[in-house]
């Protein structure tokens, strides 16, 4: 299986993350690939869970709902060709969220 996406930086704000979290929670029983805007301007499909989005949301401020903060998003393959890996999200704090992921469990929105 080819790499699901190349590493990118996504400048997101509280409002965007809040909406993405609402979407993921709505589809909790049927995880979806989310379209995450990249710094380059294109949207990148990413398999993301509510737990990861909550960790990202904490890095933003509802009082400044439109202030964007950068998140680095990458993929680490676990088993070659198996579609299993780890979604890596580097938070603005420097902390890394590691989301164990099986790509076949996620479907397009």
PDB file of N, CA and C in Angstrom:
ATOM      1  N   UNK A   1       0.840  -1.181   0.000  1.00  0.00           N
ATOM      2  CA  UNK A   1       0.000   0.000   0.000  1.00  0.00           C
ATOM      3  C   UNK A   1       0.886   1.245   0.000  1.00  0.00           C
ATOM      4  N   UNK A   2       0.614   2.199  -0.878  1.00  0.00           N
ATOM      5  CA  UNK A   2       1.432   3.408  -0.905  1.00  0.00           C
ATOM      6  C   UNK A   2       1.195   4.265   0.342  1.00  0.00           C
ATOM      7  N   UNK A   3       2.158   5.102   0.619  1.00  0.00           N
ATOM      8  CA  UNK A   3       2.061   6.036   1.745  1.00  0.00           C
ATOM      9  C   UNK A   3       0.786   6.862   1.587  1.00  0.00           C
ATOM     10  N   UNK A   4      -0.053   6.977   2.643  1.00  0.00           N
ATOM     11  CA  UNK A   4      -1.341   7.657   2.501  1.00  0.00           C
ATOM     12  C   UNK A   4      -1.234   9.158   2.233  1.00  0.00           C
ATOM     13  N   UNK A   5      -0.163   9.792   2.711  1.00  0.00           N
ATOM     14  CA  UNK A   5       0.068  11.215   2.453  1.00  0.00           C
ATOM     15  C   UNK A   5       1.499  11.553   2.840  1.00  0.00           C
ATOM     16  N   UNK A   6       2.003  12.629   2.278  1.00  0.00           N
ATOM     17  CA  UNK A   6       3.331  13.125   2.630  1.00  0.00           C
ATOM     18  C   UNK A   6       3.204  14.059   3.832  1.00  0.00           C
ATOM     19  N   UNK A   7       4.277  14.195   4.588  1.00  0.00           N
ATOM     20  CA  UNK A   7       4.282  15.083   5.751  1.00  0.00           C
ATOM     21  C   UNK A   7       3.927  16.502   5.315  1.00  0.00           C
ATOM     22  N   UNK A   8       3.160  17.188   6.156  1.00  0.00           N
ATOM     23  CA  UNK A   8       2.793  18.572   5.855  1.00  0.00           C
ATOM     24  C   UNK A   8       2.510  19.324   7.147  1.00  0.00           C
ATOM     25  N   UNK A   9       2.440  20.652   7.021  1.00  0.00           N
ATOM     26  CA  UNK A   9       2.094  21.514   8.148  1.00  0.00           C
ATOM     27  C   UNK A   9       0.712  22.069   7.883  1.00  0.00           C
ATOM     28  N   UNK A  10      -0.119  22.057   8.915  1.00  0.00           N
ATOM     29  CA  UNK A  10      -1.477  22.575   8.798  1.00  0.00           C
ATOM     30  C   UNK A  10      -1.690  23.676   9.840  1.00  0.00           C
ATOM     31  N   UNK A  11      -1.935  24.907   9.377  1.00  0.00           N
ATOM     32  CA  UNK A  11      -2.252  25.986  10.311  1.00  0.00           C
ATOM     33  C   UNK A  11      -3.754  25.952  10.602  1.00  0.00           C
ATOM     34  N   UNK A  12      -4.108  25.545  11.808  1.00  0.00           N
ATOM     35  CA  UNK A  12      -5.522  25.407  12.168  1.00  0.00           C
ATOM     36  C   UNK A  12      -5.866  26.311  13.351  1.00  0.00           C
ATOM     37  N   UNK A  13      -7.130  26.707  13.419  1.00  0.00           N
ATOM     38  CA  UNK A  13      -7.575  27.524  14.541  1.00  0.00           C
ATOM     39  C   UNK A  13      -8.604  26.753  15.373  1.00  0.00           C
ATOM     40  N   UNK A  14      -9.006  27.360  16.480  1.00  0.00           N
ATOM     41  CA  UNK A  14      -9.941  26.719  17.405  1.00  0.00           C
ATOM     42  C   UNK A  14     -11.242  26.347  16.697  1.00  0.00           C
ATOM     43  N   UNK A  15     -11.782  27.258  15.891  1.00  0.00           N
ATOM     44  CA  UNK A  15     -13.055  27.004  15.220  1.00  0.00           C
ATOM     45  C   UNK A  15     -12.962  25.801  14.282  1.00  0.00           C
ATOM     46  N   UNK A  16     -11.903  25.727  13.489  1.00  0.00           N
ATOM     47  CA  UNK A  16     -11.734  24.607  12.565  1.00  0.00           C
ATOM     48  C   UNK A  16     -11.619  23.284  13.316  1.00  0.00           C
ATOM     49  N   UNK A  17     -10.792  23.271  14.354  1.00  0.00           N
ATOM     50  CA  UNK A  17     -10.608  22.038  15.123  1.00  0.00           C
ATOM     51  C   UNK A  17     -11.886  21.620  15.828  1.00  0.00           C
ATOM     52  N   UNK A  18     -12.640  22.587  16.316  1.00  0.00           N
ATOM     53  CA  UNK A  18     -13.905  22.288  16.976  1.00  0.00           C
ATOM     54  C   UNK A  18     -14.887  21.644  15.996  1.00  0.00           C
ATOM     55  N   UNK A  19     -14.964  22.171  14.780  1.00  0.00           N
ATOM     56  CA  UNK A  19     -15.841  21.601  13.751  1.00  0.00           C
ATOM     57  C   UNK A  19     -15.381  20.206  13.326  1.00  0.00           C
ATOM     58  N   UNK A  20     -14.075  20.022  13.183  1.00  0.00           N
ATOM     59  CA  UNK A  20     -13.545  18.701  12.825  1.00  0.00           C
ATOM     60  C   UNK A  20     -13.853  17.690  13.929  1.00  0.00           C
ATOM     61  N   UNK A  21     -13.706  18.113  15.180  1.00  0.00           N
ATOM     62  CA  UNK A  21     -14.005  17.219  16.301  1.00  0.00           C
ATOM     63  C   UNK A  21     -15.481  16.845  16.315  1.00  0.00           C
ATOM     64  N   UNK A  22     -16.360  17.799  16.070  1.00  0.00           N
ATOM     65  CA  UNK A  22     -17.796  17.502  15.993  1.00  0.00           C
ATOM     66  C   UNK A  22     -18.081  16.470  14.906  1.00  0.00           C
ATOM     67  N   UNK A  23     -17.441  16.635  13.757  1.00  0.00           N
ATOM     68  CA  UNK A  23     -17.630  15.705  12.636  1.00  0.00           C
ATOM     69  C   UNK A  23     -17.176  14.301  13.016  1.00  0.00           C
ATOM     70  N   UNK A  24     -15.993  14.201  13.613  1.00  0.00           N
ATOM     71  CA  UNK A  24     -15.450  12.894  13.992  1.00  0.00           C
ATOM     72  C   UNK A  24     -16.325  12.229  15.051  1.00  0.00           C
ATOM     73  N   UNK A  25     -16.818  13.006  15.996  1.00  0.00           N
ATOM     74  CA  UNK A  25     -17.674  12.433  17.031  1.00  0.00           C
ATOM     75  C   UNK A  25     -18.992  11.938  16.443  1.00  0.00           C
ATOM     76  N   UNK A  26     -19.500  12.617  15.439  1.00  0.00           N
ATOM     77  CA  UNK A  26     -20.728  12.194  14.777  1.00  0.00           C
ATOM     78  C   UNK A  26     -20.539  10.830  14.100  1.00  0.00           C
ATOM     79  N   UNK A  27     -19.346  10.608  13.560  1.00  0.00           N
ATOM     80  CA  UNK A  27     -19.037   9.359  12.859  1.00  0.00           C
ATOM     81  C   UNK A  27     -18.182   8.418  13.708  1.00  0.00           C
ATOM     82  N   UNK A  28     -18.283   8.505  15.028  1.00  0.00           N
ATOM     83  CA  UNK A  28     -17.425   7.731  15.935  1.00  0.00           C
ATOM     84  C   UNK A  28     -17.434   6.230  15.622  1.00  0.00           C
ATOM     85  N   UNK A  29     -18.588   5.679  15.240  1.00  0.00           N
ATOM     86  CA  UNK A  29     -18.682   4.249  14.949  1.00  0.00           C
ATOM     87  C   UNK A  29     -18.211   3.894  13.536  1.00  0.00           C
ATOM     88  N   UNK A  30     -18.007   4.909  12.711  1.00  0.00           N
ATOM     89  CA  UNK A  30     -17.547   4.694  11.339  1.00  0.00           C
ATOM     90  C   UNK A  30     -16.506   5.771  11.015  1.00  0.00           C
ATOM     91  N   UNK A  31     -15.255   5.583  11.473  1.00  0.00           N
ATOM     92  CA  UNK A  31     -14.215   6.608  11.289  1.00  0.00           C
ATOM     93  C   UNK A  31     -14.047   7.034   9.833  1.00  0.00           C
ATOM     94  N   UNK A  32     -13.774   8.317   9.647  1.00  0.00           N
ATOM     95  CA  UNK A  32     -13.646   8.904   8.313  1.00  0.00           C
ATOM     96  C   UNK A  32     -12.269   9.542   8.118  1.00  0.00           C
ATOM     97  N   UNK A  33     -11.874   9.648   6.850  1.00  0.00           N
ATOM     98  CA  UNK A  33     -10.709  10.433   6.475  1.00  0.00           C
ATOM     99  C   UNK A  33     -11.156  11.889   6.483  1.00  0.00           C
ATOM    100  N   UNK A  34     -10.440  12.754   7.176  1.00  0.00           N
ATOM    101  CA  UNK A  34     -10.785  14.166   7.223  1.00  0.00           C
ATOM    102  C   UNK A  34      -9.934  14.955   6.245  1.00  0.00           C
ATOM    103  N   UNK A  35     -10.513  15.965   5.631  1.00  0.00           N
ATOM    104  CA  UNK A  35      -9.756  16.858   4.751  1.00  0.00           C
ATOM    105  C   UNK A  35      -9.148  17.950   5.614  1.00  0.00           C
ATOM    106  N   UNK A  36      -7.829  17.896   5.756  1.00  0.00           N
ATOM    107  CA  UNK A  36      -7.102  18.842   6.594  1.00  0.00           C
ATOM    108  C   UNK A  36      -6.361  19.814   5.677  1.00  0.00           C
ATOM    109  N   UNK A  37      -6.568  21.118   5.858  1.00  0.00           N
ATOM    110  CA  UNK A  37      -5.883  22.091   4.995  1.00  0.00           C
ATOM    111  C   UNK A  37      -4.382  22.119   5.275  1.00  0.00           C
ATOM    112  N   UNK A  38      -3.607  22.167   4.223  1.00  0.00           N
ATOM    113  CA  UNK A  38      -2.149  22.246   4.384  1.00  0.00           C
ATOM    114  C   UNK A  38      -1.702  23.693   4.207  1.00  0.00           C
ATOM    115  N   UNK A  39      -0.514  23.972   4.683  1.00  0.00           N
ATOM    116  CA  UNK A  39       0.074  25.299   4.558  1.00  0.00           C
ATOM    117  C   UNK A  39       0.209  25.694   3.088  1.00  0.00           C
ATOM    118  N   UNK A  40       0.402  24.692   2.216  1.00  0.00           N
ATOM    119  CA  UNK A  40       0.562  24.928   0.789  1.00  0.00           C
ATOM    120  C   UNK A  40      -0.763  25.275   0.104  1.00  0.00           C
ATOM    121  N   UNK A  41      -1.894  25.112   0.808  1.00  0.00           N
ATOM    122  CA  UNK A  41      -3.188  25.484   0.253  1.00  0.00           C
ATOM    123  C   UNK A  41      -4.104  24.336  -0.120  1.00  0.00           C
ATOM    124  N   UNK A  42      -3.554  23.158  -0.335  1.00  0.00           N
ATOM    125  CA  UNK A  42      -4.383  22.008  -0.692  1.00  0.00           C
ATOM    126  C   UNK A  42      -4.897  21.319   0.566  1.00  0.00           C
ATOM    127  N   UNK A  43      -5.992  20.589   0.427  1.00  0.00           N
ATOM    128  CA  UNK A  43      -6.494  19.776   1.534  1.00  0.00           C
ATOM    129  C   UNK A  43      -5.931  18.370   1.408  1.00  0.00           C
ATOM    130  N   UNK A  44      -5.584  17.788   2.540  1.00  0.00           N
ATOM    131  CA  UNK A  44      -4.975  16.465   2.566  1.00  0.00           C
ATOM    132  C   UNK A  44      -5.879  15.530   3.377  1.00  0.00           C
ATOM    133  N   UNK A  45      -6.301  14.385   2.798  1.00  0.00           N
ATOM    134  CA  UNK A  45      -7.106  13.432   3.564  1.00  0.00           C
ATOM    135  C   UNK A  45      -6.246  12.732   4.626  1.00  0.00           C
ATOM    136  N   UNK A  46      -6.729  12.772   5.872  1.00  0.00           N
ATOM    137  CA  UNK A  46      -5.984  12.222   7.003  1.00  0.00           C
ATOM    138  C   UNK A  46      -6.936  11.397   7.875  1.00  0.00           C
ATOM    139  N   UNK A  47      -6.532  10.180   8.274  1.00  0.00           N
ATOM    140  CA  UNK A  47      -7.358   9.370   9.175  1.00  0.00           C
ATOM    141  C   UNK A  47      -7.117   9.819  10.620  1.00  0.00           C
ATOM    142  N   UNK A  48      -8.065  10.567  11.175  1.00  0.00           N
ATOM    143  CA  UNK A  48      -7.843  11.168  12.482  1.00  0.00           C
ATOM    144  C   UNK A  48      -8.983  10.833  13.437  1.00  0.00           C
ATOM    145  N   UNK A  49      -8.636  10.533  14.685  1.00  0.00           N
ATOM    146  CA  UNK A  49      -9.634  10.188  15.690  1.00  0.00           C
ATOM    147  C   UNK A  49      -9.952  11.393  16.580  1.00  0.00           C
ATOM    148  N   UNK A  50     -11.030  11.270  17.345  1.00  0.00           N
ATOM    149  CA  UNK A  50     -11.429  12.349  18.244  1.00  0.00           C
ATOM    150  C   UNK A  50     -10.370  12.605  19.316  1.00  0.00           C
ATOM    151  N   UNK A  51      -9.692  11.569  19.769  1.00  0.00           N
ATOM    152  CA  UNK A  51      -8.651  11.734  20.790  1.00  0.00           C
ATOM    153  C   UNK A  51      -7.528  12.637  20.282  1.00  0.00           C
ATOM    154  N   UNK A  52      -7.103  12.429  19.047  1.00  0.00           N
ATOM    155  CA  UNK A  52      -6.053  13.256  18.448  1.00  0.00           C
ATOM    156  C   UNK A  52      -6.539  14.691  18.298  1.00  0.00           C
ATOM    157  N   UNK A  53      -7.761  14.862  17.812  1.00  0.00           N
ATOM    158  CA  UNK A  53      -8.303  16.210  17.639  1.00  0.00           C
ATOM    159  C   UNK A  53      -8.450  16.939  18.974  1.00  0.00           C
ATOM    160  N   UNK A  54      -8.817  16.226  20.026  1.00  0.00           N
ATOM    161  CA  UNK A  54      -8.924  16.860  21.355  1.00  0.00           C
ATOM    162  C   UNK A  54      -7.565  17.392  21.805  1.00  0.00           C
ATOM    163  N   UNK A  55      -6.515  16.606  21.572  1.00  0.00           N
ATOM    164  CA  UNK A  55      -5.156  17.039  21.934  1.00  0.00           C
ATOM    165  C   UNK A  55      -4.759  18.287  21.142  1.00  0.00           C
ATOM    166  N   UNK A  56      -5.185  18.360  19.899  1.00  0.00           N
ATOM    167  CA  UNK A  56      -4.894  19.526  19.068  1.00  0.00           C
ATOM    168  C   UNK A  56      -5.710  20.736  19.530  1.00  0.00           C
ATOM    169  N   UNK A  57      -6.962  20.516  19.863  1.00  0.00           N
ATOM    170  CA  UNK A  57      -7.857  21.597  20.272  1.00  0.00           C
ATOM    171  C   UNK A  57      -7.346  22.301  21.530  1.00  0.00           C
ATOM    172  N   UNK A  58      -6.744  21.552  22.433  1.00  0.00           N
ATOM    173  CA  UNK A  58      -6.199  22.118  23.668  1.00  0.00           C
ATOM    174  C   UNK A  58      -5.107  23.153  23.378  1.00  0.00           C
ATOM    175  N   UNK A  59      -4.467  23.048  22.223  1.00  0.00           N
ATOM    176  CA  UNK A  59      -3.383  23.968  21.856  1.00  0.00           C
ATOM    177  C   UNK A  59      -3.888  25.280  21.277  1.00  0.00           C
ATOM    178  N   UNK A  60      -5.200  25.406  21.155  1.00  0.00           N
ATOM    179  CA  UNK A  60      -5.790  26.634  20.621  1.00  0.00           C
ATOM    180  C   UNK A  60      -6.619  27.292  21.720  1.00  0.00           C
ATOM    181  N   UNK A  61      -7.130  28.475  21.414  1.00  0.00           N
ATOM    182  CA  UNK A  61      -7.843  29.246  22.422  1.00  0.00           C
ATOM    183  C   UNK A  61      -9.186  29.698  21.870  1.00  0.00           C
ATOM    184  N   UNK A  62     -10.251  29.334  22.546  1.00  0.00           N
ATOM    185  CA  UNK A  62     -11.592  29.720  22.087  1.00  0.00           C
ATOM    186  C   UNK A  62     -11.770  31.234  22.052  1.00  0.00           C
ATOM    187  N   UNK A  63     -11.081  31.948  22.952  1.00  0.00           N
ATOM    188  CA  UNK A  63     -11.174  33.411  22.964  1.00  0.00           C
ATOM    189  C   UNK A  63     -10.568  34.029  21.706  1.00  0.00           C
ATOM    190  N   UNK A  64      -9.641  33.325  21.091  1.00  0.00           N
ATOM    191  CA  UNK A  64      -9.034  33.740  19.822  1.00  0.00           C
ATOM    192  C   UNK A  64      -9.346  32.666  18.784  1.00  0.00           C
ATOM    193  N   UNK A  65     -10.626  32.450  18.547  1.00  0.00           N
ATOM    194  CA  UNK A  65     -11.107  31.318  17.742  1.00  0.00           C
ATOM    195  C   UNK A  65     -10.561  31.273  16.320  1.00  0.00           C
ATOM    196  N   UNK A  66     -10.088  32.414  15.796  1.00  0.00           N
ATOM    197  CA  UNK A  66      -9.618  32.442  14.412  1.00  0.00           C
ATOM    198  C   UNK A  66      -8.100  32.560  14.290  1.00  0.00           C
ATOM    199  N   UNK A  67      -7.399  32.486  15.409  1.00  0.00           N
ATOM    200  CA  UNK A  67      -5.938  32.530  15.387  1.00  0.00           C
ATOM    201  C   UNK A  67      -5.412  31.138  15.060  1.00  0.00           C
ATOM    202  N   UNK A  68      -4.674  31.055  13.959  1.00  0.00           N
ATOM    203  CA  UNK A  68      -4.157  29.760  13.501  1.00  0.00           C
ATOM    204  C   UNK A  68      -2.841  29.412  14.198  1.00  0.00           C
ATOM    205  N   UNK A  69      -2.704  28.137  14.505  1.00  0.00           N
ATOM    206  CA  UNK A  69      -1.450  27.624  15.052  1.00  0.00           C
ATOM    207  C   UNK A  69      -1.009  26.444  14.183  1.00  0.00           C
ATOM    208  N   UNK A  70       0.303  26.266  14.011  1.00  0.00           N
ATOM    209  CA  UNK A  70       0.794  25.212  13.113  1.00  0.00           C
ATOM    210  C   UNK A  70       0.873  23.830  13.778  1.00  0.00           C
ATOM    211  N   UNK A  71       0.392  22.835  13.047  1.00  0.00           N
ATOM    212  CA  UNK A  71       0.497  21.439  13.455  1.00  0.00           C
ATOM    213  C   UNK A  71       1.229  20.697  12.343  1.00  0.00           C
ATOM    214  N   UNK A  72       2.261  19.943  12.688  1.00  0.00           N
ATOM    215  CA  UNK A  72       2.976  19.121  11.707  1.00  0.00           C
ATOM    216  C   UNK A  72       2.353  17.735  11.726  1.00  0.00           C
ATOM    217  N   UNK A  73       1.974  17.253  10.554  1.00  0.00           N
ATOM    218  CA  UNK A  73       1.276  15.974  10.441  1.00  0.00           C
ATOM    219  C   UNK A  73       2.079  15.049   9.525  1.00  0.00           C
ATOM    220  N   UNK A  74       2.294  13.830   9.992  1.00  0.00           N
ATOM    221  CA  UNK A  74       3.106  12.876   9.230  1.00  0.00           C
ATOM    222  C   UNK A  74       2.561  11.468   9.454  1.00  0.00           C
ATOM    223  N   UNK A  75       3.078  10.526   8.679  1.00  0.00           N
ATOM    224  CA  UNK A  75       2.671   9.127   8.749  1.00  0.00           C
ATOM    225  C   UNK A  75       3.912   8.264   8.905  1.00  0.00           C
ATOM    226  N   UNK A  76       3.854   7.323   9.843  1.00  0.00           N
ATOM    227  CA  UNK A  76       4.938   6.370  10.060  1.00  0.00           C
ATOM    228  C   UNK A  76       4.390   4.970   9.795  1.00  0.00           C
ATOM    229  N   UNK A  77       4.891   4.348   8.737  1.00  0.00           N
ATOM    230  CA  UNK A  77       4.431   3.002   8.360  1.00  0.00           C
ATOM    231  C   UNK A  77       4.889   2.003   9.405  1.00  0.00           C
ATOM    232  N   UNK A  78       3.992   1.110   9.809  1.00  0.00           N
ATOM    233  CA  UNK A  78       4.324   0.093  10.810  1.00  0.00           C
ATOM    234  C   UNK A  78       4.731  -1.207  10.143  1.00  0.00           C
ATOM    235  N   UNK A  79       3.859  -1.694   9.294  1.00  0.00           N
ATOM    236  CA  UNK A  79       4.127  -2.950   8.598  1.00  0.00           C
ATOM    237  C   UNK A  79       4.032  -2.679   7.106  1.00  0.00           C
ATOM    238  N   UNK A  80       5.125  -2.854   6.429  1.00  0.00           N
ATOM    239  CA  UNK A  80       5.194  -2.554   4.997  1.00  0.00           C
ATOM    240  C   UNK A  80       4.048  -3.202   4.224  1.00  0.00           C
ATOM    241  N   UNK A  81       3.265  -2.382   3.531  1.00  0.00           N
ATOM    242  CA  UNK A  81       2.204  -2.882   2.675  1.00  0.00           C
ATOM    243  C   UNK A  81       0.954  -3.341   3.391  1.00  0.00           C
ATOM    244  N   UNK A  82       0.883  -3.210   4.701  1.00  0.00           N
ATOM    245  CA  UNK A  82      -0.265  -3.711   5.459  1.00  0.00           C
ATOM    246  C   UNK A  82      -1.302  -2.630   5.764  1.00  0.00           C
ATOM    247  N   UNK A  83      -0.981  -1.363   5.503  1.00  0.00           N
ATOM    248  CA  UNK A  83      -1.921  -0.294   5.797  1.00  0.00           C
ATOM    249  C   UNK A  83      -2.057  -0.005   7.280  1.00  0.00           C
ATOM    250  N   UNK A  84      -1.030  -0.365   8.033  1.00  0.00           N
ATOM    251  CA  UNK A  84      -1.020  -0.096   9.468  1.00  0.00           C
ATOM    252  C   UNK A  84       0.132   0.844   9.760  1.00  0.00           C
ATOM    253  N   UNK A  85      -0.127   1.797  10.660  1.00  0.00           N
ATOM    254  CA  UNK A  85       0.935   2.730  10.989  1.00  0.00           C
ATOM    255  C   UNK A  85       0.540   3.639  12.126  1.00  0.00           C
ATOM    256  N   UNK A  86       1.287   4.722  12.214  1.00  0.00           N
ATOM    257  CA  UNK A  86       1.062   5.689  13.277  1.00  0.00           C
ATOM    258  C   UNK A  86       0.935   7.074  12.651  1.00  0.00           C
ATOM    259  N   UNK A  87      -0.191   7.720  12.942  1.00  0.00           N
ATOM    260  CA  UNK A  87      -0.375   9.114  12.557  1.00  0.00           C
ATOM    261  C   UNK A  87       0.380   9.935  13.589  1.00  0.00           C
ATOM    262  N   UNK A  88       1.270  10.784  13.134  1.00  0.00           N
ATOM    263  CA  UNK A  88       2.067  11.621  14.028  1.00  0.00           C
ATOM    264  C   UNK A  88       1.614  13.072  13.879  1.00  0.00           C
ATOM    265  N   UNK A  89       1.255  13.696  14.985  1.00  0.00           N
ATOM    266  CA  UNK A  89       0.883  15.104  14.968  1.00  0.00           C
ATOM    267  C   UNK A  89       1.771  15.813  15.981  1.00  0.00           C
ATOM    268  N   UNK A  90       2.631  16.712  15.477  1.00  0.00           N
ATOM    269  CA  UNK A  90       3.478  17.491  16.365  1.00  0.00           C
ATOM    270  C   UNK A  90       2.709  18.771  16.700  1.00  0.00           C
ATOM    271  N   UNK A  91       2.424  18.919  17.997  1.00  0.00           N
ATOM    272  CA  UNK A  91       1.676  20.066  18.487  1.00  0.00           C
ATOM    273  C   UNK A  91       2.582  21.291  18.570  1.00  0.00           C
ATOM    274  N   UNK A  92       1.998  22.495  18.609  1.00  0.00           N
ATOM    275  CA  UNK A  92       2.811  23.707  18.728  1.00  0.00           C
ATOM    276  C   UNK A  92       3.694  23.720  19.986  1.00  0.00           C
ATOM    277  N   UNK A  93       3.350  22.928  20.980  1.00  0.00           N
ATOM    278  CA  UNK A  93       4.134  22.828  22.214  1.00  0.00           C
ATOM    279  C   UNK A  93       5.397  21.992  22.028  1.00  0.00           C
ATOM    280  N   UNK A  94       5.489  21.286  20.896  1.00  0.00           N
ATOM    281  CA  UNK A  94       6.615  20.394  20.638  1.00  0.00           C
ATOM    282  C   UNK A  94       6.303  18.950  20.984  1.00  0.00           C
ATOM    283  N   UNK A  95       5.212  18.743  21.703  1.00  0.00           N
ATOM    284  CA  UNK A  95       4.776  17.390  22.065  1.00  0.00           C
ATOM    285  C   UNK A  95       4.238  16.677  20.815  1.00  0.00           C
ATOM    286  N   UNK A  96       4.419  15.350  20.744  1.00  0.00           N
ATOM    287  CA  UNK A  96       3.936  14.574  19.606  1.00  0.00           C
ATOM    288  C   UNK A  96       2.814  13.641  20.037  1.00  0.00           C
ATOM    289  N   UNK A  97       1.705  13.702  19.302  1.00  0.00           N
ATOM    290  CA  UNK A  97       0.593  12.770  19.504  1.00  0.00           C
ATOM    291  C   UNK A  97       0.814  11.624  18.534  1.00  0.00           C
ATOM    292  N   UNK A  98       0.773  10.401  19.039  1.00  0.00           N
ATOM    293  CA  UNK A  98       0.957   9.199  18.221  1.00  0.00           C
ATOM    294  C   UNK A  98      -0.357   8.421  18.203  1.00  0.00           C
ATOM    295  N   UNK A  99      -0.990   8.359  17.047  1.00  0.00           N
ATOM    296  CA  UNK A  99      -2.271   7.665  16.894  1.00  0.00           C
ATOM    297  C   UNK A  99      -2.068   6.382  16.106  1.00  0.00           C
ATOM    298  N   UNK A 100      -2.159   5.243  16.784  1.00  0.00           N
ATOM    299  CA  UNK A 100      -2.071   3.949  16.109  1.00  0.00           C
ATOM    300  C   UNK A 100      -3.249   3.867  15.133  1.00  0.00           C
ATOM    301  N   UNK A 101      -2.991   3.490  13.880  1.00  0.00           N
ATOM    302  CA  UNK A 101      -4.023   3.558  12.850  1.00  0.00           C
ATOM    303  C   UNK A 101      -3.983   2.356  11.914  1.00  0.00           C
ATOM    304  N   UNK A 102      -5.166   1.836  11.607  1.00  0.00           N
ATOM    305  CA  UNK A 102      -5.335   0.835  10.559  1.00  0.00           C
ATOM    306  C   UNK A 102      -6.150   1.548   9.478  1.00  0.00           C
ATOM    307  N   UNK A 103      -5.517   1.821   8.352  1.00  0.00           N
ATOM    308  CA  UNK A 103      -6.157   2.638   7.317  1.00  0.00           C
ATOM    309  C   UNK A 103      -7.469   2.075   6.813  1.00  0.00           C
ATOM    310  N   UNK A 104      -7.608   0.762   6.768  1.00  0.00           N
ATOM    311  CA  UNK A 104      -8.840   0.157   6.246  1.00  0.00           C
ATOM    312  C   UNK A 104     -10.055   0.405   7.141  1.00  0.00           C
ATOM    313  N   UNK A 105      -9.818   0.853   8.364  1.00  0.00           N
ATOM    314  CA  UNK A 105     -10.929   1.152   9.278  1.00  0.00           C
ATOM    315  C   UNK A 105     -11.546   2.532   9.017  1.00  0.00           C
ATOM    316  N   UNK A 106     -10.919   3.326   8.170  1.00  0.00           N
ATOM    317  CA  UNK A 106     -11.381   4.677   7.857  1.00  0.00           C
ATOM    318  C   UNK A 106     -11.937   4.713   6.435  1.00  0.00           C
ATOM    319  N   UNK A 107     -13.056   5.428   6.273  1.00  0.00           N
ATOM    320  CA  UNK A 107     -13.638   5.570   4.941  1.00  0.00           C
ATOM    321  C   UNK A 107     -13.711   7.055   4.587  1.00  0.00           C
ATOM    322  N   UNK A 108     -13.841   7.374   3.282  1.00  0.00           N
ATOM    323  CA  UNK A 108     -13.947   8.765   2.878  1.00  0.00           C
ATOM    324  C   UNK A 108     -15.212   9.403   3.437  1.00  0.00           C
ATOM    325  N   UNK A 109     -15.143  10.709   3.700  1.00  0.00           N
ATOM    326  CA  UNK A 109     -16.320  11.436   4.198  1.00  0.00           C
ATOM    327  C   UNK A 109     -17.356  11.509   3.111  1.00  0.00           C
TER     328      UNK A 109
END
